[in-house]
Amino acid sequence: MGECNNEEGSYSCTCKPGAEPDADLVTCEDIEDCMNNPCVQGTCSENPPFPYKCECFSGYRETEKSGEYGTICVDIDECAEGSDFCDGGDCSNSAAFPYECTCLQGYSPGTKEVGDVFYPSCIPGTSTPDPSDSCPDCGQSNSGASCQYSESEGYYCQCFDPEKEFRDTPKRCFKKDDK
């Protein structure tokens, strides 16, 4: 985990990234990489003798830190990468969810399932008036919901994940069986 440096009458260690010198400066010890949660938008797992490993949350990807030891999770800009989920609408990258769709005339907000994840999309159908004043709680950071409209219910917040329901306190989506 390091290199020995010969010095006049002594020696010292130069440790590789992910290790630090012990108290006597003669050996290198592994650093507990995950103590400070370097992944932020993911979970960290120790990977001795290599750098820690990030498992990133949905909407983020692992990338190496520029010139540093280990990796981090960075936001994926689905709009820039050509996601077709917003066909019939405008895509905007969002920290609240991977991205948001603003649907054009003739399209309505909806979801598309990819694997077991539901993503915002625009689906052909009756367009609705601008919902920005009608259900502002849906657009709050991390709400996990989008504004929907039906003639019978009017405007309401619909969770992207069908296993969840939108609650007013706090204003976000929860598993349907959580109280």
C-alpha atoms as a PDB file:
ATOM      1  CA  MET A   1       0.000   0.000   0.000  1.00  0.00           C
ATOM      2  CA  GLY A   2       3.015   2.266  -0.206  1.00  0.00           C
ATOM      3  CA  GLU A   3       6.633   2.781  -1.134  1.00  0.00           C
ATOM      4  CA  CYS A   4       9.599   2.753   1.167  1.00  0.00           C
ATOM      5  CA  ASN A   5      11.888   5.788   0.914  1.00  0.00           C
ATOM      6  CA  ASN A   6      15.499   5.249   1.959  1.00  0.00           C
ATOM      7  CA  GLU A   7      16.765   8.189   4.020  1.00  0.00           C
ATOM      8  CA  GLU A   8      20.110   8.765   5.725  1.00  0.00           C
ATOM      9  CA  GLY A   9      20.006   6.648   8.869  1.00  0.00           C
ATOM     10  CA  SER A  10      16.291   5.937   8.499  1.00  0.00           C
ATOM     11  CA  TYR A  11      13.429   5.377   6.077  1.00  0.00           C
ATOM     12  CA  SER A  12       9.876   6.583   5.613  1.00  0.00           C
ATOM     13  CA  CYS A  13       6.779   5.449   3.755  1.00  0.00           C
ATOM     14  CA  THR A  14       4.954   7.222   0.976  1.00  0.00           C
ATOM     15  CA  CYS A  15       1.437   5.804   0.962  1.00  0.00           C
ATOM     16  CA  LYS A  16      -0.686   5.206  -2.103  1.00  0.00           C
ATOM     17  CA  PRO A  17      -4.120   6.844  -2.344  1.00  0.00           C
ATOM     18  CA  GLY A  18      -6.536   5.146   0.060  1.00  0.00           C
ATOM     19  CA  ALA A  19      -3.867   4.575   2.694  1.00  0.00           C
ATOM     20  CA  GLU A  20      -2.132   6.729   5.277  1.00  0.00           C
ATOM     21  CA  PRO A  21       1.082   6.378   7.288  1.00  0.00           C
ATOM     22  CA  ASP A  22       0.824   4.867  10.755  1.00  0.00           C
ATOM     23  CA  ALA A  23       1.930   6.842  13.836  1.00  0.00           C
ATOM     24  CA  ASP A  24       5.584   5.768  13.395  1.00  0.00           C
ATOM     25  CA  LEU A  25       5.548   6.632   9.655  1.00  0.00           C
ATOM     26  CA  VAL A  26       6.948   3.180   8.808  1.00  0.00           C
ATOM     27  CA  THR A  27       3.913   1.356   7.397  1.00  0.00           C
ATOM     28  CA  CYS A  28       0.772   2.332   5.513  1.00  0.00           C
ATOM     29  CA  GLU A  29      -2.715   1.561   6.818  1.00  0.00           C
ATOM     30  CA  ASP A  30      -5.958   1.359   4.846  1.00  0.00           C
ATOM     31  CA  ILE A  31      -8.265   4.379   5.251  1.00  0.00           C
ATOM     32  CA  GLU A  32     -11.929   3.755   6.069  1.00  0.00           C
ATOM     33  CA  ASP A  33     -13.102   5.346   2.819  1.00  0.00           C
ATOM     34  CA  CYS A  34     -16.844   5.289   3.459  1.00  0.00           C
ATOM     35  CA  MET A  35     -16.854   7.088   6.838  1.00  0.00           C
ATOM     36  CA  ASN A  36     -17.530  10.488   5.230  1.00  0.00           C
ATOM     37  CA  ASN A  37     -20.016   9.193   2.597  1.00  0.00           C
ATOM     38  CA  PRO A  38     -18.018  10.259  -0.488  1.00  0.00           C
ATOM     39  CA  CYS A  39     -20.730   8.975  -2.842  1.00  0.00           C
ATOM     40  CA  VAL A  40     -23.400  11.469  -1.587  1.00  0.00           C
ATOM     41  CA  GLN A  41     -26.036  10.394  -4.156  1.00  0.00           C
ATOM     42  CA  GLY A  42     -25.425   6.682  -3.588  1.00  0.00           C
ATOM     43  CA  THR A  43     -24.096   4.124  -1.147  1.00  0.00           C
ATOM     44  CA  CYS A  44     -20.424   3.508  -0.477  1.00  0.00           C
ATOM     45  CA  SER A  45     -18.804   0.100  -0.033  1.00  0.00           C
ATOM     46  CA  GLU A  46     -15.220  -0.649   1.016  1.00  0.00           C
ATOM     47  CA  ASN A  47     -13.154  -2.319  -1.685  1.00  0.00           C
ATOM     48  CA  PRO A  48      -9.635  -2.974  -0.189  1.00  0.00           C
ATOM     49  CA  PRO A  49      -6.968  -2.645  -1.399  1.00  0.00           C
ATOM     50  CA  PHE A  50      -8.696  -0.653  -4.141  1.00  0.00           C
ATOM     51  CA  PRO A  51     -10.602   2.603  -3.792  1.00  0.00           C
ATOM     52  CA  TYR A  52     -14.110   2.478  -2.362  1.00  0.00           C
ATOM     53  CA  LYS A  53     -16.987   1.769  -4.742  1.00  0.00           C
ATOM     54  CA  CYS A  54     -20.152   3.857  -5.178  1.00  0.00           C
ATOM     55  CA  GLU A  55     -23.499   2.318  -6.030  1.00  0.00           C
ATOM     56  CA  CYS A  56     -25.448   5.301  -7.302  1.00  0.00           C
ATOM     57  CA  PHE A  57     -29.135   6.052  -6.847  1.00  0.00           C
ATOM     58  CA  SER A  58     -31.487   6.150  -9.832  1.00  0.00           C
ATOM     59  CA  GLY A  59     -30.736   9.189 -12.015  1.00  0.00           C
ATOM     60  CA  TYR A  60     -27.019   9.195 -11.076  1.00  0.00           C
ATOM     61  CA  ARG A  61     -23.939   7.374 -12.388  1.00  0.00           C
ATOM     62  CA  GLU A  62     -20.564   6.510 -10.925  1.00  0.00           C
ATOM     63  CA  THR A  63     -17.568   8.401 -12.252  1.00  0.00           C
ATOM     64  CA  GLU A  64     -13.970   8.812 -11.173  1.00  0.00           C
ATOM     65  CA  LYS A  65     -13.050  11.981  -9.343  1.00  0.00           C
ATOM     66  CA  SER A  66     -10.836  14.130 -11.509  1.00  0.00           C
ATOM     67  CA  GLY A  67      -7.249  13.516 -10.377  1.00  0.00           C
ATOM     68  CA  GLU A  68      -8.363  12.051  -7.049  1.00  0.00           C
ATOM     69  CA  TYR A  69      -8.794   8.698  -5.379  1.00  0.00           C
ATOM     70  CA  GLY A  70     -12.127   6.887  -5.614  1.00  0.00           C
ATOM     71  CA  THR A  71     -15.382   7.639  -7.369  1.00  0.00           C
ATOM     72  CA  ILE A  72     -18.467   9.823  -6.922  1.00  0.00           C
ATOM     73  CA  CYS A  73     -22.068   9.799  -8.145  1.00  0.00           C
ATOM     74  CA  VAL A  74     -22.995  12.507 -10.636  1.00  0.00           C
ATOM     75  CA  ASP A  75     -26.375  13.470 -12.056  1.00  0.00           C
ATOM     76  CA  ILE A  76     -27.289  11.917 -15.409  1.00  0.00           C
ATOM     77  CA  ASP A  77     -28.715  14.511 -17.782  1.00  0.00           C
ATOM     78  CA  GLU A  78     -31.236  12.261 -19.529  1.00  0.00           C
ATOM     79  CA  CYS A  79     -32.371  15.141 -21.740  1.00  0.00           C
ATOM     80  CA  ALA A  80     -28.871  15.710 -23.126  1.00  0.00           C
ATOM     81  CA  GLU A  81     -28.390  11.971 -23.633  1.00  0.00           C
ATOM     82  CA  GLY A  82     -31.408  11.746 -25.911  1.00  0.00           C
ATOM     83  CA  SER A  83     -34.086  10.183 -23.720  1.00  0.00           C
ATOM     84  CA  ASP A  84     -37.213   9.774 -25.835  1.00  0.00           C
ATOM     85  CA  PHE A  85     -39.566   9.695 -22.848  1.00  0.00           C
ATOM     86  CA  CYS A  86     -40.647  13.281 -23.466  1.00  0.00           C
ATOM     87  CA  ASP A  87     -41.654  12.720 -27.078  1.00  0.00           C
ATOM     88  CA  GLY A  88     -44.527  15.141 -27.434  1.00  0.00           C
ATOM     89  CA  GLY A  89     -43.022  17.475 -24.865  1.00  0.00           C
ATOM     90  CA  ASP A  90     -39.976  19.348 -23.649  1.00  0.00           C
ATOM     91  CA  CYS A  91     -37.445  17.604 -21.418  1.00  0.00           C
ATOM     92  CA  SER A  92     -35.686  19.401 -18.565  1.00  0.00           C
ATOM     93  CA  ASN A  93     -33.079  17.883 -16.272  1.00  0.00           C
ATOM     94  CA  SER A  94     -34.222  17.917 -12.663  1.00  0.00           C
ATOM     95  CA  ALA A  95     -32.749  17.167  -9.258  1.00  0.00           C
ATOM     96  CA  ALA A  96     -36.258  16.278  -8.024  1.00  0.00           C
ATOM     97  CA  PHE A  97     -36.411  13.261 -10.337  1.00  0.00           C
ATOM     98  CA  PRO A  98     -34.132  12.240 -13.167  1.00  0.00           C
ATOM     99  CA  TYR A  99     -35.920  14.697 -15.479  1.00  0.00           C
ATOM    100  CA  GLU A 100     -39.263  16.385 -16.034  1.00  0.00           C
ATOM    101  CA  CYS A 101     -41.503  16.579 -19.109  1.00  0.00           C
ATOM    102  CA  THR A 102     -43.567  19.614 -20.061  1.00  0.00           C
ATOM    103  CA  CYS A 103     -46.117  18.198 -22.483  1.00  0.00           C
ATOM    104  CA  LEU A 104     -47.113  19.993 -25.667  1.00  0.00           C
ATOM    105  CA  GLN A 105     -50.643  20.538 -26.971  1.00  0.00           C
ATOM    106  CA  GLY A 106     -52.197  17.142 -27.723  1.00  0.00           C
ATOM    107  CA  TYR A 107     -50.128  15.269 -25.100  1.00  0.00           C
ATOM    108  CA  SER A 108     -50.683  14.647 -21.399  1.00  0.00           C
ATOM    109  CA  PRO A 109     -48.250  13.884 -18.554  1.00  0.00           C
ATOM    110  CA  GLY A 110     -47.825  10.169 -17.943  1.00  0.00           C
ATOM    111  CA  THR A 111     -45.202   7.557 -17.128  1.00  0.00           C
ATOM    112  CA  LYS A 112     -43.198   4.913 -18.961  1.00  0.00           C
ATOM    113  CA  GLU A 113     -41.989   1.781 -17.207  1.00  0.00           C
ATOM    114  CA  VAL A 114     -38.390   0.686 -17.788  1.00  0.00           C
ATOM    115  CA  GLY A 115     -37.575  -2.439 -15.805  1.00  0.00           C
ATOM    116  CA  ASP A 116     -39.204  -1.778 -12.447  1.00  0.00           C
ATOM    117  CA  VAL A 117     -38.774   2.015 -12.561  1.00  0.00           C
ATOM    118  CA  PHE A 118     -41.443   4.475 -13.743  1.00  0.00           C
ATOM    119  CA  TYR A 119     -40.234   7.589 -15.550  1.00  0.00           C
ATOM    120  CA  PRO A 120     -42.099  10.786 -16.503  1.00  0.00           C
ATOM    121  CA  SER A 121     -43.282  10.924 -20.104  1.00  0.00           C
ATOM    122  CA  CYS A 122     -45.766  12.586 -22.442  1.00  0.00           C
ATOM    123  CA  ILE A 123     -48.490  10.406 -23.883  1.00  0.00           C
ATOM    124  CA  PRO A 124     -50.837  11.229 -26.741  1.00  0.00           C
ATOM    125  CA  GLY A 125     -54.170  12.367 -25.394  1.00  0.00           C
ATOM    126  CA  THR A 126     -56.186  15.345 -24.395  1.00  0.00           C
ATOM    127  CA  SER A 127     -53.931  18.211 -23.505  1.00  0.00           C
ATOM    128  CA  THR A 128     -54.718  20.242 -20.442  1.00  0.00           C
ATOM    129  CA  PRO A 129     -54.254  23.862 -19.461  1.00  0.00           C
ATOM    130  CA  ASP A 130     -50.969  24.834 -17.812  1.00  0.00           C
ATOM    131  CA  PRO A 131     -50.950  23.034 -14.436  1.00  0.00           C
ATOM    132  CA  SER A 132     -48.248  25.178 -12.815  1.00  0.00           C
ATOM    133  CA  ASP A 133     -50.771  27.055 -10.669  1.00  0.00           C
ATOM    134  CA  SER A 134     -53.095  24.081 -10.236  1.00  0.00           C
ATOM    135  CA  CYS A 135     -50.865  21.631  -8.352  1.00  0.00           C
ATOM    136  CA  PRO A 136     -47.577  23.339  -7.422  1.00  0.00           C
ATOM    137  CA  ASP A 137     -46.808  20.746  -4.703  1.00  0.00           C
ATOM    138  CA  CYS A 138     -46.044  18.093  -7.322  1.00  0.00           C
ATOM    139  CA  GLY A 139     -43.064  20.017  -8.630  1.00  0.00           C
ATOM    140  CA  GLN A 140     -41.369  20.348  -5.248  1.00  0.00           C
ATOM    141  CA  SER A 141     -37.898  18.855  -5.021  1.00  0.00           C
ATOM    142  CA  ASN A 142     -38.006  15.107  -4.386  1.00  0.00           C
ATOM    143  CA  SER A 143     -41.815  14.898  -4.386  1.00  0.00           C
ATOM    144  CA  GLY A 144     -41.664  11.969  -6.859  1.00  0.00           C
ATOM    145  CA  ALA A 145     -44.907  13.102  -8.520  1.00  0.00           C
ATOM    146  CA  SER A 146     -46.188  14.988 -11.524  1.00  0.00           C
ATOM    147  CA  CYS A 147     -49.327  17.047 -12.034  1.00  0.00           C
ATOM    148  CA  GLN A 148     -52.155  15.163 -13.754  1.00  0.00           C
ATOM    149  CA  TYR A 149     -55.595  16.193 -14.935  1.00  0.00           C
ATOM    150  CA  SER A 150     -58.827  14.330 -15.485  1.00  0.00           C
ATOM    151  CA  GLU A 151     -62.282  15.753 -16.071  1.00  0.00           C
ATOM    152  CA  SER A 152     -63.673  13.795 -13.107  1.00  0.00           C
ATOM    153  CA  GLU A 153     -60.904  14.674 -10.599  1.00  0.00           C
ATOM    154  CA  GLY A 154     -59.488  17.922 -11.952  1.00  0.00           C
ATOM    155  CA  TYR A 155     -55.821  18.495 -11.145  1.00  0.00           C
ATOM    156  CA  TYR A 156     -54.043  16.079  -8.791  1.00  0.00           C
ATOM    157  CA  CYS A 157     -50.534  14.854  -7.998  1.00  0.00           C
ATOM    158  CA  GLN A 158     -49.733  11.408  -9.417  1.00  0.00           C
ATOM    159  CA  CYS A 159     -46.700   9.492  -8.116  1.00  0.00           C
ATOM    160  CA  PHE A 160     -44.301   8.173 -10.763  1.00  0.00           C
ATOM    161  CA  ASP A 161     -44.222   4.817  -8.927  1.00  0.00           C
ATOM    162  CA  PRO A 162     -47.686   3.156  -8.942  1.00  0.00           C
ATOM    163  CA  GLU A 163     -46.865   1.460  -5.616  1.00  0.00           C
ATOM    164  CA  LYS A 164     -46.863   4.897  -3.967  1.00  0.00           C
ATOM    165  CA  GLU A 165     -49.470   7.538  -3.201  1.00  0.00           C
ATOM    166  CA  PHE A 166     -49.141  11.314  -2.870  1.00  0.00           C
ATOM    167  CA  ARG A 167     -49.707  12.761   0.598  1.00  0.00           C
ATOM    168  CA  ASP A 168     -50.172  16.388   1.517  1.00  0.00           C
ATOM    169  CA  THR A 169     -48.072  16.189   4.706  1.00  0.00           C
ATOM    170  CA  PRO A 170     -45.236  16.232   3.863  1.00  0.00           C
ATOM    171  CA  LYS A 171     -45.935  16.879   0.211  1.00  0.00           C
ATOM    172  CA  ARG A 172     -44.387  13.810  -1.450  1.00  0.00           C
ATOM    173  CA  CYS A 173     -44.982  10.160  -2.411  1.00  0.00           C
ATOM    174  CA  PHE A 174     -45.010   7.324   0.117  1.00  0.00           C
ATOM    175  CA  LYS A 175     -45.499   3.557  -0.120  1.00  0.00           C
ATOM    176  CA  LYS A 176     -49.231   2.909  -0.003  1.00  0.00           C
ATOM    177  CA  ASP A 177     -48.961   0.764   3.135  1.00  0.00           C
ATOM    178  CA  ASP A 178     -46.794   3.276   5.095  1.00  0.00           C
ATOM    179  CA  LYS A 179     -48.815   5.454   7.441  1.00  0.00           C
END
